[in-house]
Protein backbone atom coordinates (compact mmCIF):
# COMPACT_ATOMS: atom_id res chain seq x y z
CA MET A 1 0.04 -0.19 -0.07
CA LYS A 2 2.91 2.56 0.69
CA PRO A 3 3.89 2.58 -2.91
CA TYR A 4 0.52 3.46 -4.02
CA LEU A 5 0.20 6.17 -1.39
CA HIS A 6 3.65 7.67 -2.36
CA ALA A 7 2.51 7.63 -5.70
CA GLU A 8 -1.04 9.57 -5.35
CA TRP A 9 0.55 11.81 -2.90
CA THR A 10 2.91 13.09 -5.89
CA LYS A 11 0.33 13.05 -8.22
CA LEU A 12 -2.32 15.05 -6.13
CA ARG A 13 0.63 17.43 -4.81
CA THR A 14 1.74 18.46 -8.38
CA LEU A 15 -1.37 18.55 -10.01
CA PRO A 16 -2.07 21.88 -11.56
CA GLY A 17 -4.21 23.99 -9.28
CA THR A 18 -4.01 21.66 -5.97
CA GLY A 19 -2.86 24.15 -4.00
CA GLY A 20 -5.16 26.96 -5.37
CA LEU A 21 -8.00 24.96 -4.60
CA LEU A 22 -7.11 24.55 -1.06
CA LEU A 23 -6.67 28.08 -0.47
CA ALA A 24 -9.88 28.57 -2.23
CA LEU A 25 -11.34 26.09 0.33
CA VAL A 26 -10.36 28.05 3.42
CA ALA A 27 -10.88 31.44 1.82
CA LEU A 28 -14.48 30.79 0.60
CA THR A 29 -15.37 29.09 3.60
CA VAL A 30 -14.27 31.68 6.07
CA ALA A 31 -15.50 34.75 3.64
CA VAL A 32 -19.04 33.29 3.30
CA SER A 33 -19.41 32.40 6.97
CA VAL A 34 -18.25 35.97 8.06
CA ALA A 35 -20.73 37.20 5.67
CA ALA A 36 -23.40 34.99 7.13
CA ALA A 37 -22.49 36.02 10.57
CA ALA A 38 -22.42 39.95 9.78
CA LEU A 39 -25.98 39.60 8.76
CA VAL A 40 -27.48 38.28 12.14
CA SER A 41 -28.17 39.85 15.03
CA CYS A 42 -29.87 38.89 18.42
CA ALA A 43 -31.85 40.68 20.74
CA SER A 44 -31.25 40.87 24.19
CA ALA A 45 -34.32 38.76 24.68
CA GLY A 46 -32.98 35.85 23.16
CA CYS A 47 -33.37 34.84 19.27
CA GLY A 48 -34.02 31.57 17.28
CA TYR A 49 -31.00 31.68 15.47
CA ASP A 50 -28.36 28.42 15.81
CA PRO A 51 -24.99 30.45 16.13
CA ALA A 52 -22.89 27.15 14.99
CA ARG A 53 -24.86 26.88 12.03
CA ILE A 54 -24.41 30.77 11.33
CA SER A 55 -20.47 31.01 12.09
CA LEU A 56 -19.84 27.50 10.12
CA PHE A 57 -22.36 28.72 7.00
CA GLY A 58 -19.70 28.88 4.75
CA VAL A 59 -18.99 25.12 4.70
CA GLN A 60 -21.96 25.17 2.38
CA ALA A 61 -20.04 26.99 -0.04
CA GLY A 62 -16.72 25.23 0.54
CA GLN A 63 -17.81 21.83 -0.35
CA ALA A 64 -18.26 22.73 -3.92
CA VAL A 65 -14.30 23.44 -3.80
CA VAL A 66 -13.82 20.20 -2.04
CA ALA A 67 -16.09 18.54 -4.87
CA VAL A 68 -13.83 19.73 -7.63
CA LEU A 69 -10.64 18.63 -6.23
CA ALA A 70 -11.97 15.51 -5.69
CA VAL A 71 -13.19 14.83 -9.26
CA LEU A 72 -9.87 16.46 -10.58
CA ALA A 73 -8.00 13.70 -8.20
CA ILE A 74 -8.92 11.17 -10.64
CA SER A 75 -11.08 12.09 -13.55
CA GLY A 76 -8.07 14.09 -14.86
CA GLU A 77 -6.18 11.09 -15.21
CA PHE A 78 -9.00 9.52 -17.36
CA GLY A 79 -9.03 12.75 -19.57
CA THR A 80 -5.32 12.69 -20.23
CA GLY A 81 -5.01 9.07 -20.61
CA MET A 82 -2.73 8.64 -17.62
CA ILE A 83 -4.99 6.03 -15.93
CA ARG A 84 -3.48 3.82 -18.41
CA THR A 85 0.38 4.27 -16.94
CA THR A 86 -1.04 4.64 -13.72
CA LEU A 87 -2.68 1.01 -13.85
CA THR A 88 0.11 -0.63 -15.88
CA ALA A 89 2.62 0.61 -12.81
CA MET A 90 0.19 0.09 -10.24
CA PRO A 91 -2.16 -3.01 -11.48
CA GLY A 92 -4.20 -3.19 -8.10
CA ARG A 93 -7.16 -0.71 -9.30
CA ILE A 94 -9.03 -0.96 -5.98
CA THR A 95 -6.02 -0.25 -3.97
CA VAL A 96 -5.39 2.76 -6.57
CA LEU A 97 -8.64 4.11 -5.48
CA ALA A 98 -8.11 3.48 -1.80
CA ALA A 99 -4.89 5.24 -1.89
CA LYS A 100 -6.54 8.40 -3.86
CA ALA A 101 -9.20 8.14 -1.09
CA VAL A 102 -6.74 8.29 1.84
CA VAL A 103 -4.63 11.31 0.36
CA LEU A 104 -7.64 13.13 -0.50
CA THR A 105 -9.23 12.69 3.15
CA GLY A 106 -5.82 13.76 4.37
CA LEU A 107 -5.56 17.18 2.71
CA THR A 108 -9.47 17.76 3.01
CA LEU A 109 -9.34 17.32 6.86
CA ALA A 110 -6.18 19.43 7.08
CA ALA A 111 -7.43 22.38 4.74
CA GLY A 112 -11.10 21.85 6.15
CA GLY A 113 -9.80 22.22 9.63
CA VAL A 114 -8.05 25.46 8.93
CA ALA A 115 -11.48 26.53 7.16
CA VAL A 116 -13.61 25.59 9.79
CA LEU A 117 -11.40 26.80 12.46
CA GLY A 118 -10.99 29.98 10.85
CA SER A 119 -14.82 30.58 10.39
CA ALA A 120 -15.70 29.49 14.03
CA LEU A 121 -13.41 31.93 15.13
CA ALA A 122 -14.34 34.91 12.96
CA GLY A 123 -18.02 34.07 13.41
CA ARG A 124 -18.00 34.21 17.18
CA ARG A 125 -16.28 37.62 17.37
CA ILE A 126 -18.84 38.81 14.94
CA LEU A 127 -21.78 37.27 16.57
CA LEU A 128 -20.65 38.45 20.15
CA ASP A 129 -21.07 42.21 18.60
CA ASN A 130 -24.52 41.25 17.14
CA GLY A 131 -25.77 40.38 20.66
CA PHE A 132 -25.18 36.74 20.97
CA THR A 133 -24.19 35.61 24.40
CA PRO A 134 -20.50 33.93 25.14
CA GLU A 135 -22.00 30.83 26.61
CA THR A 136 -24.01 29.93 23.12
CA LEU A 137 -20.51 30.68 21.35
CA ALA A 138 -18.13 28.62 23.56
CA LEU A 139 -15.55 26.84 20.91
CA THR A 140 -14.51 24.20 23.69
CA GLY A 141 -18.49 23.30 24.76
CA GLY A 142 -19.97 19.94 23.80
CA PRO A 143 -22.12 21.27 21.14
CA MET A 144 -19.99 23.92 19.52
CA LEU A 145 -17.20 21.57 19.42
CA ARG A 146 -19.32 18.78 17.80
CA ALA A 147 -20.39 21.29 15.08
CA ALA A 148 -16.99 22.48 14.41
CA ALA A 149 -15.47 18.85 14.20
CA GLY A 150 -18.50 17.36 12.51
CA SER A 151 -18.19 20.13 9.95
CA VAL A 152 -14.49 19.02 9.09
CA LEU A 153 -15.83 15.26 8.75
CA TYR A 154 -18.62 16.47 6.67
CA LEU A 155 -16.07 18.03 3.98
CA ALA A 156 -14.02 14.69 3.99
CA LEU A 157 -17.20 12.87 3.25
CA ILE A 158 -18.09 15.07 0.50
CA ALA A 159 -14.37 14.69 -0.98
CA LEU A 160 -14.99 10.72 -0.77
CA LEU A 161 -18.59 10.95 -2.35
CA SER A 162 -16.85 13.08 -5.16
CA LEU A 163 -14.06 10.73 -5.72
CA GLY A 164 -16.48 7.78 -6.01
CA ILE A 165 -18.99 9.35 -8.49
CA ALA A 166 -15.83 10.55 -10.31
CA ALA A 167 -14.55 6.90 -10.42
CA ALA A 168 -17.85 5.82 -12.10
CA VAL A 169 -18.37 8.68 -14.42
CA ARG A 170 -14.95 9.23 -15.39
CA ASP A 171 -15.51 12.73 -17.07
CA SER A 172 -14.62 15.70 -15.03
CA ALA A 173 -17.64 18.22 -16.05
CA THR A 174 -20.06 15.41 -15.56
CA ALA A 175 -18.64 14.35 -12.33
CA VAL A 176 -18.92 17.85 -10.87
CA GLY A 177 -22.47 18.26 -12.09
CA VAL A 178 -23.59 15.31 -10.62
CA VAL A 179 -21.92 15.81 -7.30
CA LEU A 180 -23.49 19.74 -6.94
CA GLY A 181 -26.73 18.37 -8.24
CA LEU A 182 -27.04 16.11 -5.20
CA LEU A 183 -25.76 18.52 -3.07
CA TYR A 184 -27.68 21.72 -4.18
CA LEU A 185 -30.88 20.67 -6.00
CA PHE A 186 -31.93 18.19 -3.74
CA PRO A 187 -32.76 20.66 -1.14
CA ALA A 188 -34.21 22.90 -3.73
CA VAL A 189 -36.69 19.96 -4.66
CA ILE A 190 -37.29 19.49 -0.85
CA LEU A 191 -38.64 22.86 -0.74
CA MET A 192 -41.01 22.32 -3.88
CA THR A 193 -42.43 19.18 -2.32
CA PRO A 194 -45.96 19.82 -1.00
CA ASP A 195 -46.25 16.49 0.66
CA ALA A 196 -44.87 17.03 4.42
CA ASP A 197 -44.01 13.26 4.94
CA LEU A 198 -42.25 13.15 1.61
CA ALA A 199 -40.52 16.22 2.17
CA ARG A 200 -39.28 14.92 5.22
CA PHE A 201 -38.15 11.63 4.00
CA LEU A 202 -36.28 13.45 1.01
CA TRP A 203 -34.82 15.53 3.91
CA GLN A 204 -33.41 12.41 5.73
CA ILE A 205 -31.81 11.01 2.54
CA SER A 206 -30.35 14.12 1.06
CA PRO A 207 -26.48 14.18 1.65
CA MET A 208 -26.52 17.78 2.33
CA ASN A 209 -29.52 18.24 4.50
CA ALA A 210 -28.99 15.36 6.59
CA GLY A 211 -25.03 15.72 6.65
CA LEU A 212 -25.13 19.39 7.86
CA ALA A 213 -27.73 18.40 10.75
CA ILE A 214 -24.11 17.75 12.72
CA GLN A 215 -23.88 21.54 12.90
CA ALA A 216 -27.30 21.90 14.50
CA THR A 217 -26.81 23.17 18.22
CA THR A 218 -29.98 24.34 19.24
CA GLN A 219 -33.95 22.87 18.57
CA LEU A 220 -32.64 19.23 18.03
CA SER A 221 -35.82 17.90 18.54
CA GLY A 222 -37.38 19.45 15.55
CA LEU A 223 -34.89 17.85 13.40
CA PRO A 224 -35.97 14.90 11.09
CA LEU A 225 -32.35 13.23 12.11
CA SER A 226 -30.22 13.59 14.99
CA PRO A 227 -26.51 15.27 14.33
CA TRP A 228 -24.40 12.09 14.07
CA ALA A 229 -27.38 10.08 12.34
CA GLY A 230 -27.44 12.81 9.71
CA LEU A 231 -23.64 12.84 9.06
CA GLY A 232 -24.23 8.70 9.12
CA VAL A 233 -26.39 9.55 6.03
CA LEU A 234 -23.53 11.23 4.22
CA ALA A 235 -21.22 8.58 5.40
CA ALA A 236 -23.45 5.91 3.31
CA TRP A 237 -23.44 8.10 0.37
CA ALA A 238 -19.83 8.33 0.36
CA THR A 239 -19.48 4.41 0.86
CA ALA A 240 -21.69 3.53 -1.87
CA ALA A 241 -20.41 5.97 -4.18
CA LEU A 242 -16.68 4.32 -3.51
CA LEU A 243 -17.99 0.98 -3.85
CA GLY A 244 -19.64 1.38 -7.26
CA GLY A 245 -16.93 3.71 -8.31
CA GLY A 246 -14.22 0.88 -7.26
CA LEU A 247 -16.50 -1.89 -9.02
CA LEU A 248 -16.62 0.00 -12.23
CA LEU A 249 -12.91 0.82 -12.18
CA ARG A 250 -12.28 -2.70 -11.77
CA ALA A 251 -14.76 -4.12 -14.66
CA ARG A 252 -13.93 -1.53 -17.15
CA ALA A 253 -10.96 -1.32 -19.57
CA ALA A 254 -8.88 2.01 -18.62
């Protein structure tokens, strides 16, 4: 496994745009979180906003950058034909995909951790100035800590979901379109669904809606899924995508 990991790390590190995408993940996540926090204020009598969701709102934008990075990690090789060289040098196709997943996860966790920490710190400062109490924004408190750590895991799972879809689809543009459709169009369909029970069910299986339940720190009883169960739904999507992508990678010619 070690030679596979070294090879995939070298390829992803030298892939044009990797550094820029990682920087974009951090910058975009923090910028959108700061903008969201600046737009919200809380009266002294209290308010119904979830401070964790607000200060980590930028994750919803940053996930698009993660998806693009994950797709390029494999579909770029199909586009250039380099995948043939890769599979000739390293014939274990499932091991190749597993190595890509490990390297991609490590990079996403590192950059995502910086992005989420920056968002949480900046959001806390702004929300304190906008009337929120320090108790609701304690970064070491259980709910807020779970929301922050869960957001980093959420980004890593988005990377794995995107990698699996890209391995199955092979084309970069198509893979990115499928991933972004799952993430952003699914919630739109839910909003347009008139039947409440069907909308709740769609919410429960939506990778974005369910996965981002991990950020909730208030009104947990009103959620269709608990925070960790919601993240589990996203994990199931990522697992299914990787399994499907791995099977197709092994079955089809390069």
